Each structure stands twice: as C-alpha cells, then as structure tokens.
Amino acid sequence: MSLFARIFLLNAVVLVAAAALLVFGPATVSTPALLREVLVLAAGLAVMLIANALLIRVGLAPLGRLTRAMTTIDLLKPGPRLQAKGHGEIAELITTFNSMIDRLEAERGYSSAIALSAQESERRRVAQELHDEVGQSLTAVLLGLKRVADQSPPEVREELVQVQETTRSTLDEIRRIARRLRPGVLEELGLVSALKSLTTEITTQTDLTVKRSFDKSLPRLDAETELVVYRVAQEGLTNTVRHAGAGKVELSLKARTSHVELRLRDDGKGIGTSPEGAGIRGMRERALLVGAELAVGPAEPGGTEVRLVVKAATG
C-alpha cells in the first residue's frame, strides 16, 4: 500500500467512525445549537484529531528514524543499517537508503585506496630523490667545504667550519624527512623495529617521553596492514607533539585472537568537543582500507587515546 493510500485510509477510518457515531448514536444537534451539544461536538472533534494524529504518527515513525540516520551518518564511521520496518513505500525507501549507503561506502573505499596508493608512491618517489639527489649533492658540498677549510687561513677556516655544521644539520634534516616519507625500516626490519625507530626519533627531537610495550609474538600482518598501523602510530604521535601539550605517551602493540591491537595514549589536554581534523580523518580512511577498527576518544584520567584493531593475515 502506498504512503498516500495509508494516510487516506487512516483519515477515512476516523471520519467514518465519527459519522457512524452521529448516525447511530444518541448525539444530536438542534437549531440553534445548545451549549451542551457544542461541548459534546468539541470533545468529539478533539478525540478525532488526537486519534488521527496518533495513527499517522505510528505510520510515519520509520521516516523519523530514516531522517535521523541521514543527518548523523558518517561514511568514515560505518555502523549498522536501519531495519526496513514499515509498509509499502516506507520500507522500500529505507531499503533503498541502505543500498545507497553500501554503494557510497564501497565507492569511497575504492577511491581512498587509489588515493592512498598514489600518495604512498609519491612519498617513495620524493624520499628517493631527497636521499639520492639532494643528499648526495649536500654530501659533496660537505666534502668540498672540508677540503677548502683545510687549505684556508685560520681567520676564514672558522667561518667555513660553521658553514659545514649548517650543511651537515641540513643533510640530517633531509634524511629525517626522507625516513618519515618512506619508512625503509618497516620494509627491511618489520613493524616493531619501525615503531621503535619512530619513537626514538620523537623522543630525540622533542621533550615527549614515550613508554613502549610490544608483544614478542605477534600474528603475521600483510604489508599493507603493517603500513596502516605504522601510519596511524606516526599520525597519532605527530598530533600528540603538535596539539596535545602532553609530557608522556604510551604506545603498545598487543596480540589478540586473530587480531593485533595498537594503542596510543597520552596525558595531554584531550580533544574535547573540537571537530576531527584532517589527521584523524586520514587515519579513519586508512583503517577502512584494511577493514580495521579505529577509535579516537578521551583517555582516563585525561588525555587522548587512539585504538586501532587490525586483522591478522590468513594462510
């Protein structure tokens, strides 16, 4: 039955019931109408309106659930689908909406996979150029400066030594950027070694204290999942350094039944009610890419906690 037919039928039932009550009931109206008769008619009209409102409310209740779902849905936070309750067009509308969300999530996942793959390829290319071309050029400059400094008079040698130190610092910074763009340790030594290298770099360059806890026996993860875990940890630590105002952070990697759990917890000011930025949304996109569960929220007794649960590789 269509939505129009259902609303029409509900109104018709109420009106027919009222007409039958007037025809077969004791209620009559004289001319001119008496006060008692007016009160009876007013009470009957009120009952009709209330009954009509309740019946329509019940019939359109599924549309209210659908409206709330439309205003709160987030493709980066998949949730259970609405149950197709109701009749006729309402159930069909909810089913169509669920199908649309499934299609949008699939298309977004496909687009995100392409974008993230292109991003990682570009990162590898830039890191390779920084390491091979810029790094080698600066190394040659350092060697040339050293040769010139050895042959220069003492009053010029000191300035050349300062230029050497500036060049060496620049070379170290370029190598650090290249490592962040392309985690070579992850490909060569594995996830745990890459996370250790990442935290060591963070503690060396900042005042943040990192407490690490890694299980010795972890389920095997495929290369794409390891990269997602590493990038989430990297983004979480970067957010902690830039925004949290924290002095300590705990990073753990634990084995679960057929899963691996990454947990990052700091003692900073927390995220409060501020909207999620590009960093957190990027982490959510990466998590969806490998079917992982990501939760970002307040920690106890204060600060922020990032929790990522990924599936272990099969076979």
C-alpha atoms as a PDB file:
ATOM      1  CA  MET A   1       0.000   0.000   0.000  1.00  0.00           C
ATOM      2  CA  SER A   2       1.373   3.417  -0.937  1.00  0.00           C
ATOM      3  CA  LEU A   3       2.034   6.165   1.620  1.00  0.00           C
ATOM      4  CA  PHE A   4      -0.812   8.267   0.167  1.00  0.00           C
ATOM      5  CA  ALA A   5      -3.237   5.357   0.445  1.00  0.00           C
ATOM      6  CA  ARG A   6      -2.239   4.642   4.047  1.00  0.00           C
ATOM      7  CA  ILE A   7      -2.724   8.261   5.172  1.00  0.00           C
ATOM      8  CA  PHE A   8      -6.031   8.483   3.277  1.00  0.00           C
ATOM      9  CA  LEU A   9      -7.229   5.227   4.844  1.00  0.00           C
ATOM     10  CA  LEU A  10      -6.318   6.399   8.358  1.00  0.00           C
ATOM     11  CA  ASN A  11      -8.257   9.643   7.904  1.00  0.00           C
ATOM     12  CA  ALA A  12     -11.187   7.772   6.328  1.00  0.00           C
ATOM     13  CA  VAL A  13     -11.398   5.376   9.293  1.00  0.00           C
ATOM     14  CA  VAL A  14     -11.581   8.261  11.739  1.00  0.00           C
ATOM     15  CA  LEU A  15     -14.205  10.150   9.706  1.00  0.00           C
ATOM     16  CA  VAL A  16     -16.343   7.040   9.120  1.00  0.00           C
ATOM     17  CA  ALA A  17     -16.250   6.261  12.828  1.00  0.00           C
ATOM     18  CA  ALA A  18     -17.348   9.803  13.633  1.00  0.00           C
ATOM     19  CA  ALA A  19     -20.150   9.724  11.049  1.00  0.00           C
ATOM     20  CA  ALA A  20     -21.376   6.351  12.338  1.00  0.00           C
ATOM     21  CA  LEU A  21     -21.416   7.716  15.868  1.00  0.00           C
ATOM     22  CA  LEU A  22     -23.567  10.652  14.758  1.00  0.00           C
ATOM     23  CA  VAL A  23     -25.990   8.445  12.782  1.00  0.00           C
ATOM     24  CA  PHE A  24     -26.434   5.554  15.183  1.00  0.00           C
ATOM     25  CA  GLY A  25     -25.508   7.223  18.467  1.00  0.00           C
ATOM     26  CA  PRO A  26     -27.606   9.389  20.768  1.00  0.00           C
ATOM     27  CA  ALA A  27     -25.768  12.586  19.817  1.00  0.00           C
ATOM     28  CA  THR A  28     -27.947  15.190  18.076  1.00  0.00           C
ATOM     29  CA  VAL A  29     -27.645  18.861  17.250  1.00  0.00           C
ATOM     30  CA  SER A  30     -30.599  21.236  17.492  1.00  0.00           C
ATOM     31  CA  THR A  31     -31.083  24.612  15.838  1.00  0.00           C
ATOM     32  CA  PRO A  32     -29.802  26.760  17.383  1.00  0.00           C
ATOM     33  CA  ALA A  33     -27.203  24.502  18.995  1.00  0.00           C
ATOM     34  CA  LEU A  34     -27.272  24.246  22.729  1.00  0.00           C
ATOM     35  CA  LEU A  35     -24.169  24.739  24.839  1.00  0.00           C
ATOM     36  CA  ARG A  36     -24.200  21.093  25.930  1.00  0.00           C
ATOM     37  CA  GLU A  37     -24.316  19.972  22.293  1.00  0.00           C
ATOM     38  CA  VAL A  38     -21.452  22.294  21.330  1.00  0.00           C
ATOM     39  CA  LEU A  39     -19.354  20.867  24.152  1.00  0.00           C
ATOM     40  CA  VAL A  40     -20.097  17.317  23.011  1.00  0.00           C
ATOM     41  CA  LEU A  41     -19.138  18.151  19.417  1.00  0.00           C
ATOM     42  CA  ALA A  42     -15.946  19.899  20.553  1.00  0.00           C
ATOM     43  CA  ALA A  43     -14.973  16.868  22.642  1.00  0.00           C
ATOM     44  CA  GLY A  44     -15.708  14.554  19.709  1.00  0.00           C
ATOM     45  CA  LEU A  45     -13.624  16.722  17.360  1.00  0.00           C
ATOM     46  CA  ALA A  46     -10.731  16.690  19.825  1.00  0.00           C
ATOM     47  CA  VAL A  47     -10.911  12.892  20.047  1.00  0.00           C
ATOM     48  CA  MET A  48     -10.917  12.652  16.248  1.00  0.00           C
ATOM     49  CA  LEU A  49      -7.882  14.908  15.890  1.00  0.00           C
ATOM     50  CA  ILE A  50      -5.924  13.064  18.597  1.00  0.00           C
ATOM     51  CA  ALA A  51      -6.749   9.656  17.136  1.00  0.00           C
ATOM     52  CA  ASN A  52      -5.831  10.838  13.654  1.00  0.00           C
ATOM     53  CA  ALA A  53      -2.523  12.296  14.882  1.00  0.00           C
ATOM     54  CA  LEU A  54      -1.596   9.117  16.764  1.00  0.00           C
ATOM     55  CA  LEU A  55      -2.376   6.855  13.823  1.00  0.00           C
ATOM     56  CA  ILE A  56      -0.374   8.995  11.376  1.00  0.00           C
ATOM     57  CA  ARG A  57       2.468   9.253  13.887  1.00  0.00           C
ATOM     58  CA  VAL A  58       2.694   5.482  14.134  1.00  0.00           C
ATOM     59  CA  GLY A  59       2.512   5.104  10.371  1.00  0.00           C
ATOM     60  CA  LEU A  60       5.288   7.633   9.695  1.00  0.00           C
ATOM     61  CA  ALA A  61       7.582   6.652  12.591  1.00  0.00           C
ATOM     62  CA  PRO A  62      10.061   4.816  10.292  1.00  0.00           C
ATOM     63  CA  LEU A  63      10.559   8.067   8.345  1.00  0.00           C
ATOM     64  CA  GLY A  64      11.685   9.762  11.557  1.00  0.00           C
ATOM     65  CA  ARG A  65      14.344   7.088  12.081  1.00  0.00           C
ATOM     66  CA  LEU A  66      15.437   7.494   8.484  1.00  0.00           C
ATOM     67  CA  THR A  67      15.733  11.264   8.877  1.00  0.00           C
ATOM     68  CA  ARG A  68      17.893  10.911  11.992  1.00  0.00           C
ATOM     69  CA  ALA A  69      20.124   8.419  10.194  1.00  0.00           C
ATOM     70  CA  MET A  70      20.518  10.784   7.241  1.00  0.00           C
ATOM     71  CA  THR A  71      21.632  13.657   9.472  1.00  0.00           C
ATOM     72  CA  THR A  72      24.105  11.657  11.555  1.00  0.00           C
ATOM     73  CA  ILE A  73      25.644   9.155   9.157  1.00  0.00           C
ATOM     74  CA  ASP A  74      29.399   9.352   8.506  1.00  0.00           C
ATOM     75  CA  LEU A  75      30.958   7.197   5.812  1.00  0.00           C
ATOM     76  CA  LEU A  76      34.201   7.062   7.828  1.00  0.00           C
ATOM     77  CA  LYS A  77      32.350   5.500  10.775  1.00  0.00           C
ATOM     78  CA  PRO A  78      30.387   2.527   9.426  1.00  0.00           C
ATOM     79  CA  GLY A  79      27.502   1.425  11.589  1.00  0.00           C
ATOM     80  CA  PRO A  80      24.548  -0.969  11.498  1.00  0.00           C
ATOM     81  CA  ARG A  81      21.959  -0.396   8.812  1.00  0.00           C
ATOM     82  CA  LEU A  82      18.370   0.638   9.509  1.00  0.00           C
ATOM     83  CA  GLN A  83      15.844  -2.162   9.667  1.00  0.00           C
ATOM     84  CA  ALA A  84      13.303  -1.895   6.868  1.00  0.00           C
ATOM     85  CA  LYS A  85      10.295  -1.577   9.172  1.00  0.00           C
ATOM     86  CA  GLY A  86       7.026  -0.185   7.906  1.00  0.00           C
ATOM     87  CA  HIS A  87       4.889  -0.944   4.931  1.00  0.00           C
ATOM     88  CA  GLY A  88       4.958  -0.283   1.226  1.00  0.00           C
ATOM     89  CA  GLU A  89       6.857   2.811   0.170  1.00  0.00           C
ATOM     90  CA  ILE A  90       8.382   3.420   3.626  1.00  0.00           C
ATOM     91  CA  ALA A  91      10.081   0.015   3.783  1.00  0.00           C
ATOM     92  CA  GLU A  92      11.166   0.418   0.158  1.00  0.00           C
ATOM     93  CA  LEU A  93      12.632   3.870   0.949  1.00  0.00           C
ATOM     94  CA  ILE A  94      14.649   2.519   3.899  1.00  0.00           C
ATOM     95  CA  THR A  95      15.906  -0.407   1.810  1.00  0.00           C
ATOM     96  CA  THR A  96      16.946   1.983  -0.971  1.00  0.00           C
ATOM     97  CA  PHE A  97      18.720   4.214   1.538  1.00  0.00           C
ATOM     98  CA  ASN A  98      20.668   1.251   2.938  1.00  0.00           C
ATOM     99  CA  SER A  99      21.665   0.216  -0.572  1.00  0.00           C
ATOM    100  CA  MET A 100      22.811   3.752  -1.327  1.00  0.00           C
ATOM    101  CA  ILE A 101      25.000   3.836   1.803  1.00  0.00           C
ATOM    102  CA  ASP A 102      26.516   0.464   0.906  1.00  0.00           C
ATOM    103  CA  ARG A 103      27.327   1.735  -2.570  1.00  0.00           C
ATOM    104  CA  LEU A 104      28.759   5.037  -1.273  1.00  0.00           C
ATOM    105  CA  GLU A 105      30.970   3.248   1.265  1.00  0.00           C
ATOM    106  CA  ALA A 106      32.234   0.865  -1.418  1.00  0.00           C
ATOM    107  CA  GLU A 107      32.949   3.726  -3.828  1.00  0.00           C
ATOM    108  CA  ARG A 108      34.642   5.785  -1.126  1.00  0.00           C
ATOM    109  CA  GLY A 109      36.761   2.805  -0.093  1.00  0.00           C
ATOM    110  CA  TYR A 110      37.815   2.244  -3.703  1.00  0.00           C
ATOM    111  CA  SER A 111      38.619   5.932  -4.213  1.00  0.00           C
ATOM    112  CA  SER A 112      40.505   6.114  -0.917  1.00  0.00           C
ATOM    113  CA  ALA A 113      42.546   3.044  -1.832  1.00  0.00           C
ATOM    114  CA  ILE A 114      43.577   4.635  -5.134  1.00  0.00           C
ATOM    115  CA  ALA A 115      44.355   7.989  -3.479  1.00  0.00           C
ATOM    116  CA  LEU A 116      46.368   6.479  -0.627  1.00  0.00           C
ATOM    117  CA  SER A 117      48.263   4.220  -3.013  1.00  0.00           C
ATOM    118  CA  ALA A 118      49.154   7.213  -5.172  1.00  0.00           C
ATOM    119  CA  GLN A 119      50.133   9.143  -2.055  1.00  0.00           C
ATOM    120  CA  GLU A 120      52.469   6.399  -0.868  1.00  0.00           C
ATOM    121  CA  SER A 121      54.010   6.125  -4.340  1.00  0.00           C
ATOM    122  CA  GLU A 122      54.624   9.859  -4.401  1.00  0.00           C
ATOM    123  CA  ARG A 123      56.122   9.724  -0.928  1.00  0.00           C
ATOM    124  CA  ARG A 124      58.515   6.998  -2.026  1.00  0.00           C
ATOM    125  CA  ARG A 125      59.498   8.991  -5.105  1.00  0.00           C
ATOM    126  CA  VAL A 126      60.132  12.193  -3.147  1.00  0.00           C
ATOM    127  CA  ALA A 127      62.035  10.328  -0.437  1.00  0.00           C
ATOM    128  CA  GLN A 128      64.164   8.602  -3.055  1.00  0.00           C
ATOM    129  CA  GLU A 129      65.001  11.911  -4.726  1.00  0.00           C
ATOM    130  CA  LEU A 130      65.821  13.555  -1.417  1.00  0.00           C
ATOM    131  CA  HIS A 131      68.091  10.677  -0.462  1.00  0.00           C
ATOM    132  CA  ASP A 132      69.790  10.091  -3.795  1.00  0.00           C
ATOM    133  CA  GLU A 133      69.999  13.528  -5.375  1.00  0.00           C
ATOM    134  CA  VAL A 134      69.775  16.174  -2.646  1.00  0.00           C
ATOM    135  CA  GLY A 135      71.559  14.014  -0.083  1.00  0.00           C
ATOM    136  CA  GLN A 136      74.419  13.169  -2.402  1.00  0.00           C
ATOM    137  CA  SER A 137      74.753  16.807  -3.503  1.00  0.00           C
ATOM    138  CA  LEU A 138      74.969  18.014   0.088  1.00  0.00           C
ATOM    139  CA  THR A 139      77.475  15.270   0.890  1.00  0.00           C
ATOM    140  CA  ALA A 140      79.624  16.502  -1.995  1.00  0.00           C
ATOM    141  CA  VAL A 141      79.293  20.079  -0.683  1.00  0.00           C
ATOM    142  CA  LEU A 142      80.432  18.909   2.761  1.00  0.00           C
ATOM    143  CA  LEU A 143      83.494  17.214   1.315  1.00  0.00           C
ATOM    144  CA  GLY A 144      84.316  20.313  -0.738  1.00  0.00           C
ATOM    145  CA  LEU A 145      83.938  22.576   2.272  1.00  0.00           C
ATOM    146  CA  LYS A 146      86.223  20.355   4.316  1.00  0.00           C
ATOM    147  CA  ARG A 147      88.867  20.400   1.592  1.00  0.00           C
ATOM    148  CA  VAL A 148      88.660  24.182   1.273  1.00  0.00           C
ATOM    149  CA  ALA A 149      88.686  24.650   5.053  1.00  0.00           C
ATOM    150  CA  ASP A 150      91.854  22.557   5.383  1.00  0.00           C
ATOM    151  CA  GLN A 151      93.602  24.798   2.859  1.00  0.00           C
ATOM    152  CA  SER A 152      92.248  28.137   4.145  1.00  0.00           C
ATOM    153  CA  PRO A 153      93.911  30.579   6.540  1.00  0.00           C
ATOM    154  CA  PRO A 154      92.795  30.406  10.178  1.00  0.00           C
ATOM    155  CA  GLU A 155      90.629  33.557  10.018  1.00  0.00           C
ATOM    156  CA  VAL A 156      88.495  32.035   7.221  1.00  0.00           C
ATOM    157  CA  ARG A 157      88.581  28.455   8.466  1.00  0.00           C
ATOM    158  CA  GLU A 158      86.286  29.154  11.419  1.00  0.00           C
ATOM    159  CA  GLU A 159      83.542  30.546   9.172  1.00  0.00           C
ATOM    160  CA  LEU A 160      83.885  27.577   6.833  1.00  0.00           C
ATOM    161  CA  VAL A 161      83.547  25.190   9.772  1.00  0.00           C
ATOM    162  CA  GLN A 162      80.281  26.916  10.739  1.00  0.00           C
ATOM    163  CA  VAL A 163      79.028  26.555   7.181  1.00  0.00           C
ATOM    164  CA  GLN A 164      79.993  22.859   7.356  1.00  0.00           C
ATOM    165  CA  GLU A 165      77.940  22.375  10.515  1.00  0.00           C
ATOM    166  CA  THR A 166      74.944  24.136   8.963  1.00  0.00           C
ATOM    167  CA  THR A 167      75.218  21.958   5.873  1.00  0.00           C
ATOM    168  CA  ARG A 168      75.553  18.810   7.990  1.00  0.00           C
ATOM    169  CA  SER A 169      72.441  19.760  10.001  1.00  0.00           C
ATOM    170  CA  THR A 170      70.543  20.351   6.773  1.00  0.00           C
ATOM    171  CA  LEU A 171      71.645  16.952   5.460  1.00  0.00           C
ATOM    172  CA  ASP A 172      70.489  15.258   8.684  1.00  0.00           C
ATOM    173  CA  GLU A 173      67.116  17.030   8.446  1.00  0.00           C
ATOM    174  CA  ILE A 174      66.672  15.943   4.835  1.00  0.00           C
ATOM    175  CA  ARG A 175      67.455  12.342   5.780  1.00  0.00           C
ATOM    176  CA  ARG A 176      64.930  12.545   8.626  1.00  0.00           C
ATOM    177  CA  ILE A 177      62.260  13.850   6.268  1.00  0.00           C
ATOM    178  CA  ALA A 178      63.060  11.080   3.796  1.00  0.00           C
ATOM    179  CA  ARG A 179      62.686   8.454   6.540  1.00  0.00           C
ATOM    180  CA  ARG A 180      59.286   9.857   7.529  1.00  0.00           C
ATOM    181  CA  LEU A 181      58.134   9.894   3.925  1.00  0.00           C
ATOM    182  CA  ARG A 182      59.289   6.354   3.238  1.00  0.00           C
ATOM    183  CA  PRO A 183      59.747   4.117   6.297  1.00  0.00           C
ATOM    184  CA  GLY A 184      62.562   1.958   4.955  1.00  0.00           C
ATOM    185  CA  VAL A 185      62.937   0.280   8.355  1.00  0.00           C
ATOM    186  CA  LEU A 186      59.372  -1.027   8.011  1.00  0.00           C
ATOM    187  CA  GLU A 187      60.166  -2.769   4.747  1.00  0.00           C
ATOM    188  CA  GLU A 188      63.545  -4.074   5.857  1.00  0.00           C
ATOM    189  CA  LEU A 189      63.159  -4.945   9.560  1.00  0.00           C
ATOM    190  CA  GLY A 190      59.430  -5.116  10.195  1.00  0.00           C
ATOM    191  CA  LEU A 191      56.726  -3.252  12.089  1.00  0.00           C
ATOM    192  CA  VAL A 192      58.122  -3.440  15.627  1.00  0.00           C
ATOM    193  CA  SER A 193      61.545  -2.146  14.584  1.00  0.00           C
ATOM    194  CA  ALA A 194      59.901   0.648  12.588  1.00  0.00           C
ATOM    195  CA  LEU A 195      57.805   1.711  15.593  1.00  0.00           C
ATOM    196  CA  LYS A 196      60.884   1.647  17.829  1.00  0.00           C
ATOM    197  CA  SER A 197      62.755   3.818  15.346  1.00  0.00           C
ATOM    198  CA  LEU A 198      59.803   6.207  15.145  1.00  0.00           C
ATOM    199  CA  THR A 199      59.528   6.640  18.911  1.00  0.00           C
ATOM    200  CA  THR A 200      63.283   7.040  19.279  1.00  0.00           C
ATOM    201  CA  GLU A 201      63.205   9.834  16.722  1.00  0.00           C
ATOM    202  CA  ILE A 202      60.289  11.528  18.532  1.00  0.00           C
ATOM    203  CA  THR A 203      61.999  11.427  21.932  1.00  0.00           C
ATOM    204  CA  THR A 204      65.274  12.678  20.458  1.00  0.00           C
ATOM    205  CA  GLN A 205      63.729  15.751  18.845  1.00  0.00           C
ATOM    206  CA  THR A 206      61.118  16.643  21.494  1.00  0.00           C
ATOM    207  CA  ASP A 207      60.655  16.598  25.272  1.00  0.00           C
ATOM    208  CA  LEU A 208      57.986  13.919  24.983  1.00  0.00           C
ATOM    209  CA  THR A 209      58.559  10.716  26.952  1.00  0.00           C
ATOM    210  CA  VAL A 210      57.395   7.586  25.139  1.00  0.00           C
ATOM    211  CA  LYS A 211      56.735   4.342  27.010  1.00  0.00           C
ATOM    212  CA  ARG A 212      56.748   1.384  24.617  1.00  0.00           C
ATOM    213  CA  SER A 213      55.185  -2.032  25.094  1.00  0.00           C
ATOM    214  CA  PHE A 214      55.340  -4.552  22.235  1.00  0.00           C
ATOM    215  CA  ASP A 215      54.377  -8.218  22.448  1.00  0.00           C
ATOM    216  CA  LYS A 216      57.186 -10.510  21.383  1.00  0.00           C
ATOM    217  CA  SER A 217      54.921 -12.901  19.490  1.00  0.00           C
ATOM    218  CA  LEU A 218      52.552 -11.083  17.129  1.00  0.00           C
ATOM    219  CA  PRO A 219      50.310 -12.569  14.436  1.00  0.00           C
ATOM    220  CA  ARG A 220      51.574 -12.056  10.924  1.00  0.00           C
ATOM    221  CA  LEU A 221      50.285  -8.968   9.123  1.00  0.00           C
ATOM    222  CA  ASP A 222      50.423  -8.302   5.414  1.00  0.00           C
ATOM    223  CA  ALA A 223      52.494  -5.392   4.091  1.00  0.00           C
ATOM    224  CA  GLU A 224      49.514  -3.102   3.517  1.00  0.00           C
ATOM    225  CA  THR A 225      48.195  -3.624   7.053  1.00  0.00           C
ATOM    226  CA  GLU A 226      51.639  -3.022   8.575  1.00  0.00           C
ATOM    227  CA  LEU A 227      51.854   0.261   6.689  1.00  0.00           C
ATOM    228  CA  VAL A 228      48.423   1.302   8.010  1.00  0.00           C
ATOM    229  CA  VAL A 229      49.469   0.511  11.592  1.00  0.00           C
ATOM    230  CA  TYR A 230      52.700   2.457  11.153  1.00  0.00           C
ATOM    231  CA  ARG A 231      50.983   5.496   9.603  1.00  0.00           C
ATOM    232  CA  VAL A 232      48.317   5.590  12.331  1.00  0.00           C
ATOM    233  CA  ALA A 233      51.022   5.476  15.023  1.00  0.00           C
ATOM    234  CA  GLN A 234      53.001   8.142  13.163  1.00  0.00           C
ATOM    235  CA  GLU A 235      49.991  10.447  12.817  1.00  0.00           C
ATOM    236  CA  GLY A 236      48.970   9.867  16.438  1.00  0.00           C
ATOM    237  CA  LEU A 237      52.431  10.756  17.744  1.00  0.00           C
ATOM    238  CA  THR A 238      52.590  13.798  15.456  1.00  0.00           C
ATOM    239  CA  ASN A 239      49.222  15.031  16.762  1.00  0.00           C
ATOM    240  CA  THR A 240      50.400  14.472  20.317  1.00  0.00           C
ATOM    241  CA  VAL A 241      53.527  16.556  19.757  1.00  0.00           C
ATOM    242  CA  ARG A 242      51.736  19.366  17.933  1.00  0.00           C
ATOM    243  CA  HIS A 243      48.400  19.687  19.718  1.00  0.00           C
ATOM    244  CA  ALA A 244      48.131  17.655  22.927  1.00  0.00           C
ATOM    245  CA  GLY A 245      50.585  19.505  25.159  1.00  0.00           C
ATOM    246  CA  ALA A 246      51.470  16.131  26.670  1.00  0.00           C
ATOM    247  CA  GLY A 247      54.568  15.141  28.593  1.00  0.00           C
ATOM    248  CA  LYS A 248      54.177  11.371  28.326  1.00  0.00           C
ATOM    249  CA  VAL A 249      52.662   8.962  25.851  1.00  0.00           C
ATOM    250  CA  GLU A 250      52.215   5.191  25.971  1.00  0.00           C
ATOM    251  CA  LEU A 251      52.487   3.163  22.775  1.00  0.00           C
ATOM    252  CA  SER A 252      51.614  -0.527  22.801  1.00  0.00           C
ATOM    253  CA  LEU A 253      51.218  -3.264  20.227  1.00  0.00           C
ATOM    254  CA  LYS A 254      49.413  -6.322  21.588  1.00  0.00           C
ATOM    255  CA  ALA A 255      48.435  -9.677  20.140  1.00  0.00           C
ATOM    256  CA  ARG A 256      44.765 -10.609  20.312  1.00  0.00           C
ATOM    257  CA  THR A 257      42.884 -13.617  18.969  1.00  0.00           C
ATOM    258  CA  SER A 258      43.419 -13.331  15.197  1.00  0.00           C
ATOM    259  CA  HIS A 259      43.929  -9.589  15.670  1.00  0.00           C
ATOM    260  CA  VAL A 260      46.619  -7.046  16.566  1.00  0.00           C
ATOM    261  CA  GLU A 261      45.802  -4.013  18.683  1.00  0.00           C
ATOM    262  CA  LEU A 262      47.698  -0.725  18.528  1.00  0.00           C
ATOM    263  CA  ARG A 263      47.039   1.637  21.417  1.00  0.00           C
ATOM    264  CA  LEU A 264      48.376   5.174  21.803  1.00  0.00           C
ATOM    265  CA  ARG A 265      47.531   7.090  24.992  1.00  0.00           C
ATOM    266  CA  ASP A 266      48.844  10.489  26.112  1.00  0.00           C
ATOM    267  CA  ASP A 267      48.380  12.665  29.214  1.00  0.00           C
ATOM    268  CA  GLY A 268      47.637  15.882  27.321  1.00  0.00           C
ATOM    269  CA  LYS A 269      44.629  18.175  27.265  1.00  0.00           C
ATOM    270  CA  GLY A 270      42.493  15.827  25.150  1.00  0.00           C
ATOM    271  CA  ILE A 271      40.448  16.538  22.047  1.00  0.00           C
ATOM    272  CA  GLY A 272      37.368  17.829  23.891  1.00  0.00           C
ATOM    273  CA  THR A 273      34.441  18.689  21.661  1.00  0.00           C
ATOM    274  CA  SER A 274      36.538  20.009  18.789  1.00  0.00           C
ATOM    275  CA  PRO A 275      35.733  18.507  15.366  1.00  0.00           C
ATOM    276  CA  GLU A 276      38.036  15.895  13.922  1.00  0.00           C
ATOM    277  CA  GLY A 277      40.801  17.332  11.781  1.00  0.00           C
ATOM    278  CA  ALA A 278      42.351  16.070   8.587  1.00  0.00           C
ATOM    279  CA  GLY A 279      44.839  13.910  10.514  1.00  0.00           C
ATOM    280  CA  ILE A 280      42.214  11.847  12.328  1.00  0.00           C
ATOM    281  CA  ARG A 281      40.030  11.545   9.244  1.00  0.00           C
ATOM    282  CA  GLY A 282      43.094  10.365   7.340  1.00  0.00           C
ATOM    283  CA  MET A 283      43.620   7.676   9.987  1.00  0.00           C
ATOM    284  CA  ARG A 284      39.992   6.597   9.608  1.00  0.00           C
ATOM    285  CA  GLU A 285      40.370   6.303   5.842  1.00  0.00           C
ATOM    286  CA  ARG A 286      43.483   4.152   6.257  1.00  0.00           C
ATOM    287  CA  ALA A 287      41.703   1.944   8.794  1.00  0.00           C
ATOM    288  CA  LEU A 288      38.757   1.401   6.454  1.00  0.00           C
ATOM    289  CA  LEU A 289      41.189   0.498   3.701  1.00  0.00           C
ATOM    290  CA  VAL A 290      42.187  -2.724   5.504  1.00  0.00           C
ATOM    291  CA  GLY A 291      38.909  -3.326   7.341  1.00  0.00           C
ATOM    292  CA  ALA A 292      40.315  -2.245  10.718  1.00  0.00           C
ATOM    293  CA  GLU A 293      38.501  -0.695  13.677  1.00  0.00           C
ATOM    294  CA  LEU A 294      39.685   2.742  14.800  1.00  0.00           C
ATOM    295  CA  ALA A 295      38.527   4.569  17.919  1.00  0.00           C
ATOM    296  CA  VAL A 296      39.737   8.041  18.930  1.00  0.00           C
ATOM    297  CA  GLY A 297      38.479   9.497  22.186  1.00  0.00           C
ATOM    298  CA  PRO A 298      39.284  10.669  25.701  1.00  0.00           C
ATOM    299  CA  ALA A 299      41.591   8.623  27.907  1.00  0.00           C
ATOM    300  CA  GLU A 300      41.351   8.042  31.632  1.00  0.00           C
ATOM    301  CA  PRO A 301      42.068  10.060  33.728  1.00  0.00           C
ATOM    302  CA  GLY A 302      42.865  12.586  30.979  1.00  0.00           C
ATOM    303  CA  GLY A 303      44.358  12.974  27.535  1.00  0.00           C
ATOM    304  CA  THR A 304      43.555  11.194  24.292  1.00  0.00           C
ATOM    305  CA  GLU A 305      43.549   7.537  23.318  1.00  0.00           C
ATOM    306  CA  VAL A 306      43.882   6.122  19.810  1.00  0.00           C
ATOM    307  CA  ARG A 307      42.997   2.436  19.432  1.00  0.00           C
ATOM    308  CA  LEU A 308      43.410   0.513  16.200  1.00  0.00           C
ATOM    309  CA  VAL A 309      42.463  -3.157  15.821  1.00  0.00           C
ATOM    310  CA  VAL A 310      43.597  -4.895  12.615  1.00  0.00           C
ATOM    311  CA  LYS A 311      43.033  -8.447  11.399  1.00  0.00           C
ATOM    312  CA  ALA A 312      45.944 -10.830  11.144  1.00  0.00           C
ATOM    313  CA  ALA A 313      46.893 -12.258   7.774  1.00  0.00           C
ATOM    314  CA  THR A 314      45.363 -15.617   6.884  1.00  0.00           C
ATOM    315  CA  GLY A 315      47.252 -18.516   5.425  1.00  0.00           C
END
